[in-house]
Amino acid sequence: MNFSTRCMQADDWTKISSFSLHEFSHPSFMGFEFMQWLDTLRKKCGIPFWITSSYRTIEHNQLVGGADDSAHCDVPCNAVDIGESPRVSDPNWYHSRFLIVSNALASGCSRIGLYANGSIHLDMTADRRPGERIWRVVGNI
């Protein structure tokens, strides 16, 4: 069973307080329950972070070197990449990444990717893909 039962609708965005639909390349393809989960995660972390990748078309996914079975291409989409938001108190984003990963794990996320550029992949697709894993990509992604 898919984590999200449906895609986001226009009025759903009024219920999401930590993100705006403009932060997503295709907001109408994002999973409703996933966005509620992500909104709660951002509040729990208490730090700024921004979305660098959300839903991707198959063509865009190939262009950026995404996995053949990327969770970013699912509809509804239950996957995001979170980009670095350095702060004066955390210039290298070490503590921020710790907060995001630890809170994501505590909130039920079992598929987490860590990228060389500091980005973090979070997805709730363990029902369709190999679950319970953290991976590290050393390349330029």
Protein backbone atom coordinates (compact mmCIF):
# COMPACT_ATOMS: atom_id res chain seq x y z
CA MET A 1 0.00 0.00 0.00
CA ASN A 2 1.32 3.43 -0.96
CA PHE A 3 2.15 5.79 1.94
CA SER A 4 0.01 8.54 0.42
CA THR A 5 -3.54 7.77 -0.64
CA ARG A 6 -3.72 10.67 -3.09
CA CYS A 7 -1.91 13.65 -4.55
CA MET A 8 -2.02 17.14 -3.10
CA GLN A 9 -4.92 19.33 -4.19
CA ALA A 10 -4.87 23.13 -4.31
CA ASP A 11 -6.71 23.61 -0.99
CA ASP A 12 -4.46 21.06 0.79
CA TRP A 13 -1.57 23.53 0.66
CA THR A 14 -3.42 25.79 3.12
CA LYS A 15 -3.03 22.99 5.72
CA ILE A 16 0.75 22.78 5.22
CA SER A 17 2.39 25.49 7.33
CA SER A 18 6.11 24.87 6.80
CA PHE A 19 6.20 24.67 3.00
CA SER A 20 4.62 26.45 0.09
CA LEU A 21 3.61 24.81 -3.15
CA HIS A 22 6.20 27.00 -4.90
CA GLU A 23 8.99 24.96 -3.28
CA PHE A 24 8.01 21.94 -5.40
CA SER A 25 8.55 21.51 -9.13
CA HIS A 26 5.22 19.66 -9.56
CA PRO A 27 3.23 20.34 -6.37
CA SER A 28 0.11 18.58 -7.60
CA PHE A 29 2.02 15.26 -7.81
CA MET A 30 3.20 15.31 -4.18
CA GLY A 31 1.58 12.79 -1.86
CA PHE A 32 -0.93 14.24 0.60
CA GLU A 33 0.09 12.17 3.65
CA PHE A 34 3.76 12.53 2.74
CA MET A 35 3.44 16.32 2.73
CA GLN A 36 1.73 16.22 6.13
CA TRP A 37 4.60 14.03 7.40
CA LEU A 38 7.23 16.37 5.88
CA ASP A 39 5.51 19.42 7.39
CA THR A 40 5.61 17.77 10.84
CA LEU A 41 9.25 16.79 10.32
CA ARG A 42 10.31 20.35 9.58
CA LYS A 43 8.54 21.55 12.74
CA LYS A 44 10.19 18.83 14.85
CA CYS A 45 13.63 19.74 13.50
CA GLY A 46 13.12 23.43 14.23
CA ILE A 47 15.59 24.45 11.54
CA PRO A 48 15.30 25.81 8.01
CA PHE A 49 15.74 23.40 5.12
CA TRP A 50 14.72 23.62 1.52
CA ILE A 51 13.60 21.18 -1.11
CA THR A 52 16.10 20.67 -3.94
CA SER A 53 14.19 17.87 -5.65
CA SER A 54 10.68 16.50 -5.39
CA TYR A 55 8.58 14.87 -8.13
CA ARG A 56 10.54 14.33 -11.35
CA THR A 57 9.39 13.36 -14.79
CA ILE A 58 11.16 10.29 -16.16
CA GLU A 59 13.05 12.53 -18.59
CA HIS A 60 14.20 14.89 -15.84
CA ASN A 61 15.19 11.94 -13.65
CA GLN A 62 17.39 10.56 -16.45
CA LEU A 63 18.89 14.00 -17.04
CA VAL A 64 19.98 14.32 -13.39
CA GLY A 65 21.26 10.73 -13.18
CA GLY A 66 18.51 9.45 -10.89
CA ALA A 67 17.95 5.76 -10.23
CA ASP A 68 15.99 3.82 -12.84
CA ASP A 69 13.27 3.11 -10.24
CA SER A 70 13.47 6.50 -8.52
CA ALA A 71 10.88 7.26 -5.87
CA HIS A 72 10.91 10.82 -7.25
CA CYS A 73 8.96 9.57 -10.29
CA ASP A 74 6.06 7.97 -8.38
CA VAL A 75 2.60 9.50 -8.40
CA PRO A 76 1.75 10.33 -5.71
CA CYS A 77 5.35 11.28 -4.94
CA ASN A 78 6.57 10.38 -1.46
CA ALA A 79 10.19 11.50 -1.88
CA VAL A 80 12.25 14.67 -1.58
CA ASP A 81 15.84 15.78 -1.48
CA ILE A 82 16.64 18.41 1.12
CA GLY A 83 19.37 20.94 0.47
CA GLU A 84 21.88 22.57 2.73
CA SER A 85 20.85 25.58 4.79
CA PRO A 86 23.94 26.66 6.74
CA ARG A 87 23.37 28.87 9.76
CA VAL A 88 25.83 30.90 11.82
CA SER A 89 25.47 28.36 14.64
CA ASP A 90 25.92 25.42 12.23
CA PRO A 91 28.00 26.64 9.24
CA ASN A 92 28.84 23.16 7.95
CA TRP A 93 25.27 21.89 8.44
CA TYR A 94 26.47 18.94 10.56
CA HIS A 95 23.98 19.38 13.40
CA SER A 96 21.17 20.24 10.98
CA ARG A 97 21.70 17.01 9.02
CA PHE A 98 21.75 15.09 12.30
CA LEU A 99 18.43 16.68 13.32
CA ILE A 100 16.83 15.89 9.97
CA VAL A 101 18.02 12.27 9.82
CA SER A 102 17.33 11.45 13.48
CA ASN A 103 13.85 13.01 13.40
CA ALA A 104 13.05 11.35 10.06
CA LEU A 105 14.02 7.95 11.51
CA ALA A 106 12.01 8.59 14.68
CA SER A 107 9.03 9.58 12.51
CA GLY A 108 9.02 6.35 10.53
CA CYS A 109 11.23 7.11 7.53
CA SER A 110 13.33 4.08 6.68
CA ARG A 111 14.83 5.13 3.33
CA ILE A 112 17.44 7.86 3.61
CA GLY A 113 20.16 8.86 1.16
CA LEU A 114 23.16 11.03 2.00
CA TYR A 115 24.90 12.85 -0.84
CA ALA A 116 28.41 14.27 -1.16
CA ASN A 117 27.05 17.80 -1.62
CA GLY A 118 25.30 17.61 1.77
CA SER A 119 21.82 16.90 0.42
CA ILE A 120 19.59 14.36 2.12
CA HIS A 121 17.08 12.11 0.34
CA LEU A 122 13.99 11.08 2.30
CA ASP A 123 11.30 8.78 0.98
CA MET A 124 8.41 6.76 2.31
CA THR A 125 8.35 4.02 -0.32
CA ALA A 126 9.61 1.03 1.67
CA ASP A 127 6.38 -0.77 0.71
CA ARG A 128 7.53 -0.87 -2.95
CA ARG A 129 11.29 -0.70 -2.73
CA PRO A 130 13.91 -2.32 -0.55
CA GLY A 131 13.26 -0.76 2.84
CA GLU A 132 15.20 0.10 5.96
CA ARG A 133 18.33 1.51 4.43
CA ILE A 134 20.59 4.49 4.52
CA TRP A 135 22.82 4.96 1.50
CA ARG A 136 25.65 7.30 0.74
CA VAL A 137 26.44 8.64 -2.72
CA VAL A 138 29.98 9.91 -3.14
CA GLY A 139 29.56 11.35 -6.67
CA ASN A 140 28.33 14.77 -7.76
CA ILE A 141 24.60 14.23 -7.20
